[in-house]
C-alpha cells in the first residue's frame, strides 16, 4: 500500500505547477513557494474529502494543516483517527 505522503506528494505534483525534477521538501510551505494559491487550497480540500473520506471543517483550513505535504499528511491522519479509521 502506498504511503499517505506518497499519495499527497503525487497529487501535489500532478495538480500544481512544480518545476520538472524539483523535489518539494516535506515541510516546504506550498503557498510561499508559489506552488499553491487560495484556489489551490480549495482543490486540496476537495481532494482530501474525496480521497480520504473525511470532512475538512472551515476552521481547519489553516496553513499548519494544508500548507505543506507534512501538514496535509498529519491533518488527514488526525482526521482519520478522530473518525475511528
PDB file of N, CA and C in Angstrom:
ATOM      1  N   UNK A   1       0.846  -1.179   0.000  1.00  0.00           N
ATOM      2  CA  UNK A   1       0.000   0.000   0.000  1.00  0.00           C
ATOM      3  C   UNK A   1       0.891   1.242   0.000  1.00  0.00           C
ATOM      4  N   UNK A   2       0.574   2.206  -0.856  1.00  0.00           N
ATOM      5  CA  UNK A   2       1.433   3.379  -0.903  1.00  0.00           C
ATOM      6  C   UNK A   2       1.190   4.261   0.312  1.00  0.00           C
ATOM      7  N   UNK A   3       2.258   4.932   0.719  1.00  0.00           N
ATOM      8  CA  UNK A   3       2.166   5.757   1.917  1.00  0.00           C
ATOM      9  C   UNK A   3       1.309   6.985   1.653  1.00  0.00           C
ATOM     10  N   UNK A   4       0.789   7.529   2.730  1.00  0.00           N
ATOM     11  CA  UNK A   4      -0.011   8.747   2.628  1.00  0.00           C
ATOM     12  C   UNK A   4       0.842   9.868   2.052  1.00  0.00           C
ATOM     13  N   UNK A   5       2.085   9.982   2.505  1.00  0.00           N
ATOM     14  CA  UNK A   5       2.955  11.042   1.983  1.00  0.00           C
ATOM     15  C   UNK A   5       3.130  10.906   0.474  1.00  0.00           C
ATOM     16  N   UNK A   6       3.306   9.688  -0.001  1.00  0.00           N
ATOM     17  CA  UNK A   6       3.474   9.468  -1.439  1.00  0.00           C
ATOM     18  C   UNK A   6       2.218   9.909  -2.196  1.00  0.00           C
ATOM     19  N   UNK A   7       1.058   9.572  -1.675  1.00  0.00           N
ATOM     20  CA  UNK A   7      -0.201   9.947  -2.330  1.00  0.00           C
ATOM     21  C   UNK A   7      -0.354  11.460  -2.388  1.00  0.00           C
ATOM     22  N   UNK A   8      -0.045  12.129  -1.271  1.00  0.00           N
ATOM     23  CA  UNK A   8      -0.157  13.591  -1.223  1.00  0.00           C
ATOM     24  C   UNK A   8       0.856  14.219  -2.176  1.00  0.00           C
ATOM     25  N   UNK A   9       2.084  13.735  -2.137  1.00  0.00           N
ATOM     26  CA  UNK A   9       3.139  14.268  -2.998  1.00  0.00           C
ATOM     27  C   UNK A   9       2.773  14.090  -4.474  1.00  0.00           C
ATOM     28  N   UNK A  10       2.236  12.938  -4.821  1.00  0.00           N
ATOM     29  CA  UNK A  10       1.835  12.661  -6.198  1.00  0.00           C
ATOM     30  C   UNK A  10       0.710  13.601  -6.635  1.00  0.00           C
ATOM     31  N   UNK A  11      -0.271  13.813  -5.763  1.00  0.00           N
ATOM     32  CA  UNK A  11      -1.373  14.723  -6.073  1.00  0.00           C
ATOM     33  C   UNK A  11      -0.857  16.148  -6.282  1.00  0.00           C
ATOM     34  N   UNK A  12      -0.029  16.619  -5.389  1.00  0.00           N
ATOM     35  CA  UNK A  12       0.514  17.979  -5.499  1.00  0.00           C
ATOM     36  C   UNK A  12       1.296  18.112  -6.803  1.00  0.00           C
ATOM     37  N   UNK A  13       2.136  17.119  -7.090  1.00  0.00           N
ATOM     38  CA  UNK A  13       2.977  17.176  -8.281  1.00  0.00           C
ATOM     39  C   UNK A  13       2.216  17.132  -9.590  1.00  0.00           C
ATOM     40  N   UNK A  14       1.096  16.425  -9.616  1.00  0.00           N
ATOM     41  CA  UNK A  14       0.334  16.326 -10.864  1.00  0.00           C
ATOM     42  C   UNK A  14      -0.729  17.413 -11.008  1.00  0.00           C
ATOM     43  N   UNK A  15      -1.091  18.055  -9.904  1.00  0.00           N
ATOM     44  CA  UNK A  15      -2.163  19.048  -9.935  1.00  0.00           C
ATOM     45  C   UNK A  15      -1.651  20.478 -10.023  1.00  0.00           C
ATOM     46  N   UNK A  16      -0.494  20.727  -9.448  1.00  0.00           N
ATOM     47  CA  UNK A  16       0.029  22.089  -9.367  1.00  0.00           C
ATOM     48  C   UNK A  16       1.369  22.185 -10.086  1.00  0.00           C
ATOM     49  N   UNK A  17       1.690  23.390 -10.585  1.00  0.00           N
ATOM     50  CA  UNK A  17       2.937  23.557 -11.343  1.00  0.00           C
ATOM     51  C   UNK A  17       4.173  23.456 -10.444  1.00  0.00           C
ATOM     52  N   UNK A  18       4.898  22.385 -10.641  1.00  0.00           N
ATOM     53  CA  UNK A  18       6.164  22.184  -9.941  1.00  0.00           C
ATOM     54  C   UNK A  18       7.207  21.985 -11.026  1.00  0.00           C
ATOM     55  N   UNK A  19       8.337  22.685 -10.928  1.00  0.00           N
ATOM     56  CA  UNK A  19       9.380  22.544 -11.939  1.00  0.00           C
ATOM     57  C   UNK A  19       9.786  21.080 -12.073  1.00  0.00           C
ATOM     58  N   UNK A  20       9.937  20.651 -13.311  1.00  0.00           N
ATOM     59  CA  UNK A  20      10.329  19.270 -13.581  1.00  0.00           C
ATOM     60  C   UNK A  20      11.612  18.947 -12.830  1.00  0.00           C
ATOM     61  N   UNK A  21      11.601  17.832 -12.156  1.00  0.00           N
ATOM     62  CA  UNK A  21      12.775  17.402 -11.418  1.00  0.00           C
ATOM     63  C   UNK A  21      12.909  18.038 -10.043  1.00  0.00           C
ATOM     64  N   UNK A  22      12.079  19.031  -9.743  1.00  0.00           N
ATOM     65  CA  UNK A  22      12.151  19.682  -8.434  1.00  0.00           C
ATOM     66  C   UNK A  22      11.462  18.801  -7.403  1.00  0.00           C
ATOM     67  N   UNK A  23      12.164  18.529  -6.337  1.00  0.00           N
ATOM     68  CA  UNK A  23      11.618  17.727  -5.249  1.00  0.00           C
ATOM     69  C   UNK A  23      11.201  18.679  -4.137  1.00  0.00           C
ATOM     70  N   UNK A  24       9.928  18.701  -3.834  1.00  0.00           N
ATOM     71  CA  UNK A  24       9.443  19.560  -2.754  1.00  0.00           C
ATOM     72  C   UNK A  24       9.824  18.949  -1.412  1.00  0.00           C
ATOM     73  N   UNK A  25      10.356  19.779  -0.522  1.00  0.00           N
ATOM     74  CA  UNK A  25      10.642  19.314   0.830  1.00  0.00           C
ATOM     75  C   UNK A  25       9.316  19.036   1.520  1.00  0.00           C
ATOM     76  N   UNK A  26       9.294  18.047   2.365  1.00  0.00           N
ATOM     77  CA  UNK A  26       8.058  17.656   3.035  1.00  0.00           C
ATOM     78  C   UNK A  26       7.459  18.801   3.834  1.00  0.00           C
ATOM     79  N   UNK A  27       8.330  19.629   4.428  1.00  0.00           N
ATOM     80  CA  UNK A  27       7.839  20.731   5.258  1.00  0.00           C
ATOM     81  C   UNK A  27       7.843  22.078   4.534  1.00  0.00           C
ATOM     82  N   UNK A  28       8.104  22.065   3.237  1.00  0.00           N
ATOM     83  CA  UNK A  28       8.132  23.310   2.459  1.00  0.00           C
ATOM     84  C   UNK A  28       6.739  23.927   2.392  1.00  0.00           C
ATOM     85  N   UNK A  29       6.653  25.230   2.627  1.00  0.00           N
ATOM     86  CA  UNK A  29       5.374  25.932   2.574  1.00  0.00           C
ATOM     87  C   UNK A  29       4.967  26.077   1.108  1.00  0.00           C
ATOM     88  N   UNK A  30       3.890  25.408   0.736  1.00  0.00           N
ATOM     89  CA  UNK A  30       3.452  25.379  -0.659  1.00  0.00           C
ATOM     90  C   UNK A  30       2.935  26.733  -1.131  1.00  0.00           C
ATOM     91  N   UNK A  31       2.363  27.512  -0.223  1.00  0.00           N
ATOM     92  CA  UNK A  31       1.883  28.849  -0.574  1.00  0.00           C
ATOM     93  C   UNK A  31       3.064  29.785  -0.809  1.00  0.00           C
ATOM     94  N   UNK A  32       4.017  29.806   0.125  1.00  0.00           N
ATOM     95  CA  UNK A  32       5.189  30.673  -0.017  1.00  0.00           C
ATOM     96  C   UNK A  32       6.014  30.326  -1.248  1.00  0.00           C
ATOM     97  N   UNK A  33       6.047  29.034  -1.595  1.00  0.00           N
ATOM     98  CA  UNK A  33       6.823  28.584  -2.750  1.00  0.00           C
ATOM     99  C   UNK A  33       6.112  28.886  -4.071  1.00  0.00           C
ATOM    100  N   UNK A  34       4.863  29.345  -3.994  1.00  0.00           N
ATOM    101  CA  UNK A  34       4.108  29.652  -5.206  1.00  0.00           C
ATOM    102  C   UNK A  34       3.540  28.430  -5.895  1.00  0.00           C
ATOM    103  N   UNK A  35       3.564  27.293  -5.214  1.00  0.00           N
ATOM    104  CA  UNK A  35       3.030  26.064  -5.802  1.00  0.00           C
ATOM    105  C   UNK A  35       1.507  26.083  -5.737  1.00  0.00           C
ATOM    106  N   UNK A  36       0.968  26.566  -4.629  1.00  0.00           N
ATOM    107  CA  UNK A  36      -0.472  26.568  -4.387  1.00  0.00           C
ATOM    108  C   UNK A  36      -0.917  27.992  -4.079  1.00  0.00           C
ATOM    109  N   UNK A  37      -2.087  28.365  -4.610  1.00  0.00           N
ATOM    110  CA  UNK A  37      -2.688  29.658  -4.262  1.00  0.00           C
ATOM    111  C   UNK A  37      -3.992  29.375  -3.512  1.00  0.00           C
ATOM    112  N   UNK A  38      -4.785  30.410  -3.269  1.00  0.00           N
ATOM    113  CA  UNK A  38      -6.008  30.215  -2.480  1.00  0.00           C
ATOM    114  C   UNK A  38      -6.985  29.249  -3.155  1.00  0.00           C
ATOM    115  N   UNK A  39      -7.075  29.294  -4.463  1.00  0.00           N
ATOM    116  CA  UNK A  39      -7.934  28.345  -5.187  1.00  0.00           C
ATOM    117  C   UNK A  39      -7.346  26.937  -5.064  1.00  0.00           C
ATOM    118  N   UNK A  40      -6.039  26.847  -5.079  1.00  0.00           N
ATOM    119  CA  UNK A  40      -5.373  25.556  -4.911  1.00  0.00           C
ATOM    120  C   UNK A  40      -5.675  24.925  -3.568  1.00  0.00           C
ATOM    121  N   UNK A  41      -5.785  25.750  -2.532  1.00  0.00           N
ATOM    122  CA  UNK A  41      -6.144  25.235  -1.205  1.00  0.00           C
ATOM    123  C   UNK A  41      -7.521  24.578  -1.268  1.00  0.00           C
ATOM    124  N   UNK A  42      -8.445  25.193  -1.961  1.00  0.00           N
ATOM    125  CA  UNK A  42      -9.786  24.606  -2.114  1.00  0.00           C
ATOM    126  C   UNK A  42      -9.718  23.285  -2.889  1.00  0.00           C
ATOM    127  N   UNK A  43      -8.831  23.223  -3.873  1.00  0.00           N
ATOM    128  CA  UNK A  43      -8.630  21.988  -4.630  1.00  0.00           C
ATOM    129  C   UNK A  43      -8.107  20.885  -3.713  1.00  0.00           C
ATOM    130  N   UNK A  44      -7.168  21.244  -2.836  1.00  0.00           N
ATOM    131  CA  UNK A  44      -6.617  20.277  -1.876  1.00  0.00           C
ATOM    132  C   UNK A  44      -7.710  19.797  -0.932  1.00  0.00           C
ATOM    133  N   UNK A  45      -8.528  20.720  -0.440  1.00  0.00           N
ATOM    134  CA  UNK A  45      -9.621  20.358   0.473  1.00  0.00           C
ATOM    135  C   UNK A  45     -10.556  19.353  -0.202  1.00  0.00           C
ATOM    136  N   UNK A  46     -10.954  19.639  -1.422  1.00  0.00           N
ATOM    137  CA  UNK A  46     -11.856  18.745  -2.153  1.00  0.00           C
ATOM    138  C   UNK A  46     -11.219  17.378  -2.344  1.00  0.00           C
ATOM    139  N   UNK A  47      -9.945  17.360  -2.712  1.00  0.00           N
ATOM    140  CA  UNK A  47      -9.234  16.092  -2.919  1.00  0.00           C
ATOM    141  C   UNK A  47      -9.168  15.294  -1.623  1.00  0.00           C
ATOM    142  N   UNK A  48      -8.843  15.956  -0.517  1.00  0.00           N
ATOM    143  CA  UNK A  48      -8.766  15.265   0.775  1.00  0.00           C
ATOM    144  C   UNK A  48     -10.121  14.635   1.106  1.00  0.00           C
ATOM    145  N   UNK A  49     -11.185  15.411   0.951  1.00  0.00           N
ATOM    146  CA  UNK A  49     -12.515  14.903   1.293  1.00  0.00           C
ATOM    147  C   UNK A  49     -12.912  13.721   0.422  1.00  0.00           C
ATOM    148  N   UNK A  50     -12.616  13.789  -0.871  1.00  0.00           N
ATOM    149  CA  UNK A  50     -12.986  12.710  -1.788  1.00  0.00           C
ATOM    150  C   UNK A  50     -12.088  11.485  -1.637  1.00  0.00           C
ATOM    151  N   UNK A  51     -10.807  11.716  -1.450  1.00  0.00           N
ATOM    152  CA  UNK A  51      -9.848  10.611  -1.412  1.00  0.00           C
ATOM    153  C   UNK A  51      -9.849   9.873  -0.086  1.00  0.00           C
ATOM    154  N   UNK A  52      -9.923  10.619   1.004  1.00  0.00           N
ATOM    155  CA  UNK A  52      -9.777  10.016   2.326  1.00  0.00           C
ATOM    156  C   UNK A  52     -11.088   9.953   3.107  1.00  0.00           C
ATOM    157  N   UNK A  53     -12.165  10.423   2.474  1.00  0.00           N
ATOM    158  CA  UNK A  53     -13.499  10.354   3.063  1.00  0.00           C
ATOM    159  C   UNK A  53     -13.550  10.951   4.468  1.00  0.00           C
ATOM    160  N   UNK A  54     -12.955  12.140   4.599  1.00  0.00           N
ATOM    161  CA  UNK A  54     -13.036  12.915   5.831  1.00  0.00           C
ATOM    162  C   UNK A  54     -13.588  14.289   5.468  1.00  0.00           C
ATOM    163  N   UNK A  55     -14.166  14.956   6.445  1.00  0.00           N
ATOM    164  CA  UNK A  55     -14.683  16.302   6.227  1.00  0.00           C
ATOM    165  C   UNK A  55     -13.651  17.307   6.725  1.00  0.00           C
ATOM    166  N   UNK A  56     -13.297  18.243   5.866  1.00  0.00           N
ATOM    167  CA  UNK A  56     -12.390  19.324   6.251  1.00  0.00           C
ATOM    168  C   UNK A  56     -13.264  20.483   6.714  1.00  0.00           C
ATOM    169  N   UNK A  57     -13.234  20.745   8.010  1.00  0.00           N
ATOM    170  CA  UNK A  57     -14.025  21.828   8.576  1.00  0.00           C
ATOM    171  C   UNK A  57     -13.405  23.166   8.209  1.00  0.00           C
ATOM    172  N   UNK A  58     -14.260  24.189   8.061  1.00  0.00           N
ATOM    173  CA  UNK A  58     -13.779  25.523   7.687  1.00  0.00           C
ATOM    174  C   UNK A  58     -12.674  26.005   8.614  1.00  0.00           C
ATOM    175  N   UNK A  59     -12.828  25.763   9.915  1.00  0.00           N
ATOM    176  CA  UNK A  59     -11.817  26.237  10.871  1.00  0.00           C
ATOM    177  C   UNK A  59     -10.495  25.476  10.778  1.00  0.00           C
ATOM    178  N   UNK A  60     -10.482  24.373  10.024  1.00  0.00           N
ATOM    179  CA  UNK A  60      -9.258  23.591   9.817  1.00  0.00           C
ATOM    180  C   UNK A  60      -8.459  24.036   8.597  1.00  0.00           C
ATOM    181  N   UNK A  61      -9.020  24.933   7.796  1.00  0.00           N
ATOM    182  CA  UNK A  61      -8.331  25.404   6.593  1.00  0.00           C
ATOM    183  C   UNK A  61      -7.305  26.453   7.028  1.00  0.00           C
ATOM    184  N   UNK A  62      -6.182  25.925   7.512  1.00  0.00           N
ATOM    185  CA  UNK A  62      -5.093  26.741   8.063  1.00  0.00           C
ATOM    186  C   UNK A  62      -3.775  26.304   7.452  1.00  0.00           C
ATOM    187  N   UNK A  63      -2.805  27.212   7.377  1.00  0.00           N
ATOM    188  CA  UNK A  63      -1.503  26.841   6.808  1.00  0.00           C
ATOM    189  C   UNK A  63      -0.848  25.653   7.508  1.00  0.00           C
ATOM    190  N   UNK A  64      -1.017  25.543   8.816  1.00  0.00           N
ATOM    191  CA  UNK A  64      -0.376  24.419   9.510  1.00  0.00           C
ATOM    192  C   UNK A  64      -1.012  23.080   9.141  1.00  0.00           C
ATOM    193  N   UNK A  65      -2.249  23.084   8.661  1.00  0.00           N
ATOM    194  CA  UNK A  65      -2.909  21.843   8.238  1.00  0.00           C
ATOM    195  C   UNK A  65      -2.737  21.554   6.754  1.00  0.00           C
ATOM    196  N   UNK A  66      -2.748  22.588   5.932  1.00  0.00           N
ATOM    197  CA  UNK A  66      -2.808  22.376   4.485  1.00  0.00           C
ATOM    198  C   UNK A  66      -1.691  23.070   3.720  1.00  0.00           C
ATOM    199  N   UNK A  67      -0.728  23.656   4.420  1.00  0.00           N
ATOM    200  CA  UNK A  67       0.294  24.455   3.754  1.00  0.00           C
ATOM    201  C   UNK A  67       1.541  23.712   3.336  1.00  0.00           C
ATOM    202  N   UNK A  68       1.657  22.444   3.712  1.00  0.00           N
ATOM    203  CA  UNK A  68       2.831  21.654   3.329  1.00  0.00           C
ATOM    204  C   UNK A  68       2.415  20.195   3.193  1.00  0.00           C
ATOM    205  N   UNK A  69       3.266  19.424   2.570  1.00  0.00           N
ATOM    206  CA  UNK A  69       2.981  17.991   2.434  1.00  0.00           C
ATOM    207  C   UNK A  69       2.883  17.358   3.817  1.00  0.00           C
ATOM    208  N   UNK A  70       3.827  17.691   4.705  1.00  0.00           N
ATOM    209  CA  UNK A  70       3.812  17.134   6.061  1.00  0.00           C
ATOM    210  C   UNK A  70       2.550  17.547   6.809  1.00  0.00           C
ATOM    211  N   UNK A  71       2.134  18.793   6.642  1.00  0.00           N
ATOM    212  CA  UNK A  71       0.926  19.274   7.302  1.00  0.00           C
ATOM    213  C   UNK A  71      -0.311  18.554   6.824  1.00  0.00           C
ATOM    214  N   UNK A  72      -0.397  18.333   5.517  1.00  0.00           N
ATOM    215  CA  UNK A  72      -1.554  17.630   4.943  1.00  0.00           C
ATOM    216  C   UNK A  72      -1.603  16.197   5.463  1.00  0.00           C
ATOM    217  N   UNK A  73      -0.460  15.513   5.461  1.00  0.00           N
ATOM    218  CA  UNK A  73      -0.402  14.129   5.932  1.00  0.00           C
ATOM    219  C   UNK A  73      -0.834  14.058   7.399  1.00  0.00           C
ATOM    220  N   UNK A  74      -0.277  14.925   8.235  1.00  0.00           N
ATOM    221  CA  UNK A  74      -0.610  14.921   9.662  1.00  0.00           C
ATOM    222  C   UNK A  74      -2.091  15.226   9.871  1.00  0.00           C
ATOM    223  N   UNK A  75      -2.602  16.178   9.127  1.00  0.00           N
ATOM    224  CA  UNK A  75      -4.014  16.549   9.251  1.00  0.00           C
ATOM    225  C   UNK A  75      -4.927  15.379   8.877  1.00  0.00           C
ATOM    226  N   UNK A  76      -4.676  14.762   7.733  1.00  0.00           N
ATOM    227  CA  UNK A  76      -5.523  13.649   7.292  1.00  0.00           C
ATOM    228  C   UNK A  76      -5.435  12.491   8.276  1.00  0.00           C
ATOM    229  N   UNK A  77      -4.241  12.174   8.745  1.00  0.00           N
ATOM    230  CA  UNK A  77      -4.099  11.078   9.711  1.00  0.00           C
ATOM    231  C   UNK A  77      -4.873  11.390  10.994  1.00  0.00           C
ATOM    232  N   UNK A  78      -4.811  12.636  11.454  1.00  0.00           N
ATOM    233  CA  UNK A  78      -5.544  13.048  12.656  1.00  0.00           C
ATOM    234  C   UNK A  78      -7.062  12.917  12.433  1.00  0.00           C
ATOM    235  N   UNK A  79      -7.542  13.377  11.279  1.00  0.00           N
ATOM    236  CA  UNK A  79      -8.973  13.287  10.973  1.00  0.00           C
ATOM    237  C   UNK A  79      -9.428  11.830  10.875  1.00  0.00           C
ATOM    238  N   UNK A  80      -8.594  10.977  10.307  1.00  0.00           N
ATOM    239  CA  UNK A  80      -8.950   9.553  10.204  1.00  0.00           C
ATOM    240  C   UNK A  80      -9.009   8.922  11.593  1.00  0.00           C
ATOM    241  N   UNK A  81      -8.080   9.299  12.467  1.00  0.00           N
ATOM    242  CA  UNK A  81      -8.102   8.758  13.840  1.00  0.00           C
ATOM    243  C   UNK A  81      -9.365   9.216  14.566  1.00  0.00           C
ATOM    244  N   UNK A  82      -9.726  10.496  14.378  1.00  0.00           N
ATOM    245  CA  UNK A  82     -10.945  11.020  15.011  1.00  0.00           C
ATOM    246  C   UNK A  82     -12.173  10.266  14.523  1.00  0.00           C
ATOM    247  N   UNK A  83     -12.128   9.828  13.258  1.00  0.00           N
ATOM    248  CA  UNK A  83     -13.257   9.099  12.665  1.00  0.00           C
ATOM    249  C   UNK A  83     -13.215   7.608  12.997  1.00  0.00           C
ATOM    250  N   UNK A  84     -12.160   7.187  13.708  1.00  0.00           N
ATOM    251  CA  UNK A  84     -12.051   5.788  14.097  1.00  0.00           C
ATOM    252  C   UNK A  84     -11.558   4.868  13.005  1.00  0.00           C
ATOM    253  N   UNK A  85     -10.770   5.432  12.052  1.00  0.00           N
ATOM    254  CA  UNK A  85     -10.232   4.605  10.958  1.00  0.00           C
ATOM    255  C   UNK A  85      -8.776   4.323  11.162  1.00  0.00           C
TER     256      UNK A  85
END
